[in-house]
Amino acid sequence: MWADHSVDDPAVPYREGRFGNPGTWTLMNALEAAGAPVSGEWADDLPKARFEARSRELLRQARAARSHVLFTSHTPGTTPVSPHVAWAQTYENDVVIDWLFEQSR
C-alpha cells in the first residue's frame, strides 16, 4: 500500500474524517501499531527529480524494513494548486508508477 495525503487537505481530513471516520494519518498509525513500519513525509512542491529521489529513498527504507506500507504525507502549505490535489504529483511520479506496476496478487 502506498498512501498519499496532504496534511492540510480541506476536502478529505488528514486526521479524523466526517462522522468520526479515521483519517489517513490515523490509519497509518494503526498499521504501524500492528507491526507494519510506515514512513515518508515531505513537501509536495519539490522539483520532479527531488520528489522522485525522496520516493526512491522511501521505497528503499520500506524494503529494508520489509514493510509493505508507504505513506507520502505532504507538509502543509506545499501542495500546488490546492491541498486536495496532492495526488496529482503522485501520478506524475515515475517511482510510484513503477512500484505500482510491480505489484501482483
N, C-alpha and C. Protein backbone atom coordinates (compact mmCIF):
# COMPACT_ATOMS: atom_id res chain seq x y z
N MET A 1 0.85 -1.16 0.00
CA MET A 1 0.00 0.00 0.00
C MET A 1 0.90 1.23 0.00
N TRP A 2 0.55 2.18 -0.85
CA TRP A 2 1.27 3.46 -0.84
C TRP A 2 0.21 4.56 -0.75
N ALA A 3 0.00 5.08 0.44
CA ALA A 3 -1.00 6.14 0.65
C ALA A 3 -0.36 7.50 0.40
N ASP A 4 -1.18 8.45 0.03
CA ASP A 4 -0.73 9.79 -0.32
C ASP A 4 -1.76 10.78 0.19
N HIS A 5 -1.32 11.75 1.02
CA HIS A 5 -2.28 12.71 1.57
C HIS A 5 -1.58 13.99 1.97
N SER A 6 -2.23 15.11 1.72
CA SER A 6 -1.72 16.41 2.15
C SER A 6 -2.28 16.72 3.54
N VAL A 7 -1.41 17.14 4.44
CA VAL A 7 -1.81 17.41 5.81
C VAL A 7 -2.94 18.46 5.89
N ASP A 8 -2.92 19.43 4.98
CA ASP A 8 -3.92 20.49 5.04
C ASP A 8 -5.04 20.34 3.99
N ASP A 9 -5.34 19.11 3.60
CA ASP A 9 -6.42 18.84 2.66
C ASP A 9 -7.76 19.23 3.30
N PRO A 10 -8.50 20.21 2.70
CA PRO A 10 -9.76 20.63 3.30
C PRO A 10 -10.94 19.72 2.95
N ALA A 11 -10.81 18.92 1.90
CA ALA A 11 -11.92 18.08 1.44
C ALA A 11 -11.94 16.71 2.14
N VAL A 12 -10.78 16.12 2.32
CA VAL A 12 -10.66 14.82 2.97
C VAL A 12 -9.71 15.00 4.13
N PRO A 13 -10.23 15.04 5.34
CA PRO A 13 -9.38 15.32 6.50
C PRO A 13 -8.23 14.33 6.67
N TYR A 14 -7.09 14.88 7.01
CA TYR A 14 -5.87 14.10 7.20
C TYR A 14 -5.95 13.24 8.46
N ARG A 15 -6.48 13.80 9.52
CA ARG A 15 -6.56 13.06 10.79
C ARG A 15 -7.92 12.37 10.92
N GLU A 16 -8.94 13.05 11.36
CA GLU A 16 -10.25 12.43 11.53
C GLU A 16 -11.22 12.93 10.48
N GLY A 17 -11.93 12.01 9.87
CA GLY A 17 -12.86 12.35 8.82
C GLY A 17 -14.26 12.64 9.33
N ARG A 18 -15.17 12.78 8.41
CA ARG A 18 -16.57 13.04 8.75
C ARG A 18 -17.17 11.87 9.51
N PHE A 19 -18.09 12.15 10.37
CA PHE A 19 -18.81 11.14 11.13
C PHE A 19 -17.88 10.25 11.95
N GLY A 20 -16.72 10.81 12.35
CA GLY A 20 -15.79 10.06 13.19
C GLY A 20 -14.95 9.03 12.47
N ASN A 21 -15.03 9.01 11.13
CA ASN A 21 -14.21 8.07 10.37
C ASN A 21 -12.74 8.43 10.50
N PRO A 22 -11.87 7.45 10.59
CA PRO A 22 -10.45 7.77 10.74
C PRO A 22 -9.88 8.39 9.47
N GLY A 23 -8.98 9.32 9.64
CA GLY A 23 -8.28 9.91 8.51
C GLY A 23 -7.08 9.04 8.14
N THR A 24 -6.38 9.41 7.08
CA THR A 24 -5.24 8.64 6.61
C THR A 24 -4.17 8.50 7.67
N TRP A 25 -3.88 9.60 8.38
CA TRP A 25 -2.86 9.58 9.43
C TRP A 25 -3.21 8.55 10.50
N THR A 26 -4.46 8.53 10.91
CA THR A 26 -4.92 7.58 11.93
C THR A 26 -4.77 6.14 11.43
N LEU A 27 -5.13 5.91 10.18
CA LEU A 27 -5.00 4.57 9.62
C LEU A 27 -3.53 4.13 9.54
N MET A 28 -2.66 5.05 9.15
CA MET A 28 -1.23 4.71 9.08
C MET A 28 -0.68 4.38 10.47
N ASN A 29 -1.11 5.14 11.48
CA ASN A 29 -0.68 4.85 12.85
C ASN A 29 -1.18 3.49 13.31
N ALA A 30 -2.41 3.12 12.93
CA ALA A 30 -2.95 1.82 13.30
C ALA A 30 -2.16 0.69 12.63
N LEU A 31 -1.79 0.89 11.37
CA LEU A 31 -0.98 -0.11 10.68
C LEU A 31 0.38 -0.26 11.34
N GLU A 32 0.98 0.87 11.71
CA GLU A 32 2.28 0.83 12.37
C GLU A 32 2.17 0.15 13.73
N ALA A 33 1.10 0.43 14.47
CA ALA A 33 0.90 -0.22 15.77
C ALA A 33 0.73 -1.73 15.62
N ALA A 34 0.23 -2.14 14.46
CA ALA A 34 0.05 -3.57 14.20
C ALA A 34 1.32 -4.24 13.69
N GLY A 35 2.40 -3.45 13.56
CA GLY A 35 3.68 -4.03 13.18
C GLY A 35 4.16 -3.73 11.77
N ALA A 36 3.47 -2.87 11.05
CA ALA A 36 3.88 -2.51 9.69
C ALA A 36 4.57 -1.15 9.73
N PRO A 37 5.90 -1.11 9.63
CA PRO A 37 6.60 0.18 9.65
C PRO A 37 6.10 1.09 8.53
N VAL A 38 5.86 2.35 8.86
CA VAL A 38 5.38 3.34 7.90
C VAL A 38 6.30 4.53 7.95
N SER A 39 6.67 5.07 6.78
CA SER A 39 7.50 6.28 6.79
C SER A 39 7.24 7.10 5.55
N GLY A 40 7.61 8.38 5.60
CA GLY A 40 7.56 9.26 4.44
C GLY A 40 6.81 10.54 4.67
N GLU A 41 7.52 11.64 4.72
CA GLU A 41 6.87 12.95 4.79
C GLU A 41 7.77 13.95 4.10
N TRP A 42 7.21 14.76 3.23
CA TRP A 42 7.99 15.80 2.57
C TRP A 42 7.08 16.82 1.92
N ALA A 43 7.67 17.88 1.44
CA ALA A 43 6.92 18.93 0.75
C ALA A 43 6.52 18.44 -0.64
N ASP A 44 5.36 18.87 -1.09
CA ASP A 44 4.87 18.46 -2.40
C ASP A 44 5.37 19.39 -3.50
N ASP A 45 5.94 20.52 -3.13
CA ASP A 45 6.34 21.50 -4.15
C ASP A 45 7.80 21.33 -4.58
N LEU A 46 8.34 20.14 -4.39
CA LEU A 46 9.72 19.87 -4.83
C LEU A 46 9.75 19.69 -6.34
N PRO A 47 10.87 19.99 -6.96
CA PRO A 47 11.02 19.67 -8.38
C PRO A 47 10.89 18.16 -8.57
N LYS A 48 10.44 17.74 -9.75
CA LYS A 48 10.19 16.32 -10.03
C LYS A 48 11.36 15.42 -9.65
N ALA A 49 12.57 15.80 -9.98
CA ALA A 49 13.73 14.96 -9.69
C ALA A 49 13.91 14.76 -8.18
N ARG A 50 13.74 15.82 -7.40
CA ARG A 50 13.88 15.71 -5.94
C ARG A 50 12.72 14.92 -5.33
N PHE A 51 11.51 15.14 -5.85
CA PHE A 51 10.34 14.40 -5.37
C PHE A 51 10.54 12.90 -5.62
N GLU A 52 11.01 12.55 -6.80
CA GLU A 52 11.24 11.15 -7.12
C GLU A 52 12.40 10.57 -6.32
N ALA A 53 13.42 11.37 -6.04
CA ALA A 53 14.54 10.91 -5.21
C ALA A 53 14.03 10.58 -3.80
N ARG A 54 13.16 11.41 -3.27
CA ARG A 54 12.58 11.15 -1.95
C ARG A 54 11.74 9.86 -2.00
N SER A 55 10.99 9.69 -3.07
CA SER A 55 10.18 8.49 -3.22
C SER A 55 11.06 7.25 -3.30
N ARG A 56 12.14 7.34 -4.04
CA ARG A 56 13.09 6.23 -4.16
C ARG A 56 13.67 5.85 -2.80
N GLU A 57 14.01 6.87 -2.00
CA GLU A 57 14.56 6.63 -0.67
C GLU A 57 13.51 6.00 0.25
N LEU A 58 12.28 6.49 0.17
CA LEU A 58 11.20 5.91 0.96
C LEU A 58 11.00 4.44 0.61
N LEU A 59 11.02 4.14 -0.66
CA LEU A 59 10.86 2.76 -1.12
C LEU A 59 12.02 1.90 -0.64
N ARG A 60 13.23 2.44 -0.70
CA ARG A 60 14.41 1.71 -0.21
C ARG A 60 14.27 1.41 1.28
N GLN A 61 13.85 2.41 2.05
CA GLN A 61 13.67 2.22 3.50
C GLN A 61 12.60 1.17 3.78
N ALA A 62 11.51 1.23 3.05
CA ALA A 62 10.42 0.27 3.26
C ALA A 62 10.89 -1.15 2.95
N ARG A 63 11.61 -1.30 1.86
CA ARG A 63 12.11 -2.65 1.51
C ARG A 63 13.10 -3.15 2.55
N ALA A 64 13.96 -2.26 3.03
CA ALA A 64 14.95 -2.66 4.05
C ALA A 64 14.25 -3.08 5.35
N ALA A 65 13.14 -2.43 5.66
CA ALA A 65 12.39 -2.76 6.87
C ALA A 65 11.38 -3.88 6.63
N ARG A 66 11.34 -4.38 5.40
CA ARG A 66 10.37 -5.41 5.00
C ARG A 66 8.94 -4.93 5.21
N SER A 67 8.74 -3.66 4.97
CA SER A 67 7.41 -3.05 5.11
C SER A 67 6.73 -2.99 3.75
N HIS A 68 5.45 -3.20 3.77
CA HIS A 68 4.66 -3.10 2.55
C HIS A 68 3.71 -1.90 2.62
N VAL A 69 4.01 -0.98 3.53
CA VAL A 69 3.17 0.21 3.70
C VAL A 69 4.04 1.45 3.56
N LEU A 70 3.72 2.27 2.57
CA LEU A 70 4.42 3.53 2.35
C LEU A 70 3.41 4.65 2.46
N PHE A 71 3.86 5.80 2.93
CA PHE A 71 2.95 6.92 3.15
C PHE A 71 3.62 8.22 2.76
N THR A 72 3.14 8.83 1.69
CA THR A 72 3.62 10.14 1.30
C THR A 72 2.71 11.16 1.96
N SER A 73 3.21 11.81 2.99
CA SER A 73 2.47 12.80 3.75
C SER A 73 3.04 14.17 3.38
N HIS A 74 2.26 14.95 2.65
CA HIS A 74 2.74 16.24 2.16
C HIS A 74 2.56 17.31 3.24
N THR A 75 3.62 18.04 3.55
CA THR A 75 3.59 19.05 4.60
C THR A 75 2.65 20.19 4.23
N PRO A 76 2.04 20.84 5.23
CA PRO A 76 1.07 21.91 4.97
C PRO A 76 1.66 23.06 4.15
N GLY A 77 0.82 23.59 3.28
CA GLY A 77 1.20 24.77 2.51
C GLY A 77 2.11 24.51 1.33
N THR A 78 2.33 23.25 0.98
CA THR A 78 3.28 22.97 -0.10
C THR A 78 2.66 22.35 -1.34
N THR A 79 1.36 22.05 -1.30
CA THR A 79 0.73 21.40 -2.45
C THR A 79 0.32 22.44 -3.48
N PRO A 80 0.85 22.35 -4.69
CA PRO A 80 0.47 23.32 -5.73
C PRO A 80 -1.03 23.26 -6.04
N VAL A 81 -1.58 24.33 -6.43
CA VAL A 81 -2.99 24.49 -6.82
C VAL A 81 -3.92 24.40 -5.61
N SER A 82 -4.00 23.25 -4.97
CA SER A 82 -4.89 23.03 -3.83
C SER A 82 -4.36 21.87 -3.00
N PRO A 83 -4.48 21.92 -1.69
CA PRO A 83 -4.04 20.80 -0.87
C PRO A 83 -4.77 19.50 -1.17
N HIS A 84 -5.95 19.59 -1.81
CA HIS A 84 -6.69 18.37 -2.14
C HIS A 84 -6.11 17.63 -3.35
N VAL A 85 -5.29 18.28 -4.13
CA VAL A 85 -4.76 17.62 -5.33
C VAL A 85 -3.32 17.14 -5.15
N ALA A 86 -2.97 16.72 -3.94
CA ALA A 86 -1.63 16.17 -3.70
C ALA A 86 -1.39 14.93 -4.55
N TRP A 87 -2.45 14.24 -4.90
CA TRP A 87 -2.35 13.03 -5.71
C TRP A 87 -1.85 13.33 -7.12
N ALA A 88 -2.02 14.55 -7.60
CA ALA A 88 -1.62 14.87 -8.98
C ALA A 88 -0.13 14.64 -9.19
N GLN A 89 0.70 15.12 -8.27
CA GLN A 89 2.14 14.92 -8.42
C GLN A 89 2.51 13.45 -8.25
N THR A 90 1.75 12.74 -7.44
CA THR A 90 2.00 11.31 -7.25
C THR A 90 1.80 10.57 -8.56
N TYR A 91 0.75 10.90 -9.30
CA TYR A 91 0.51 10.25 -10.59
C TYR A 91 1.59 10.56 -11.62
N GLU A 92 2.32 11.65 -11.43
CA GLU A 92 3.41 12.01 -12.33
C GLU A 92 4.76 11.47 -11.84
N ASN A 93 4.75 10.77 -10.71
CA ASN A 93 5.97 10.27 -10.09
C ASN A 93 6.31 8.90 -10.67
N ASP A 94 7.35 8.83 -11.47
CA ASP A 94 7.72 7.58 -12.13
C ASP A 94 8.07 6.48 -11.13
N VAL A 95 8.60 6.85 -9.97
CA VAL A 95 8.95 5.85 -8.95
C VAL A 95 7.68 5.17 -8.43
N VAL A 96 6.65 5.95 -8.15
CA VAL A 96 5.39 5.39 -7.66
C VAL A 96 4.74 4.54 -8.75
N ILE A 97 4.71 5.04 -9.96
CA ILE A 97 4.09 4.30 -11.07
C ILE A 97 4.82 2.98 -11.30
N ASP A 98 6.15 2.99 -11.31
CA ASP A 98 6.91 1.75 -11.47
C ASP A 98 6.61 0.78 -10.34
N TRP A 99 6.57 1.30 -9.10
CA TRP A 99 6.24 0.47 -7.94
C TRP A 99 4.85 -0.14 -8.10
N LEU A 100 3.88 0.67 -8.53
CA LEU A 100 2.51 0.20 -8.69
C LEU A 100 2.45 -0.99 -9.65
N PHE A 101 3.13 -0.86 -10.79
CA PHE A 101 3.06 -1.93 -11.79
C PHE A 101 3.92 -3.15 -11.45
N GLU A 102 4.73 -3.05 -10.40
CA GLU A 102 5.48 -4.22 -9.90
C GLU A 102 4.58 -5.12 -9.05
N GLN A 103 3.46 -4.59 -8.59
CA GLN A 103 2.60 -5.32 -7.67
C GLN A 103 1.81 -6.40 -8.39
N SER A 104 1.56 -7.48 -7.66
CA SER A 104 0.72 -8.55 -8.17
C SER A 104 0.02 -9.22 -6.98
N ARG A 105 -0.98 -9.98 -7.26
CA ARG A 105 -1.70 -10.69 -6.20
C ARG A 105 -1.04 -11.99 -5.92
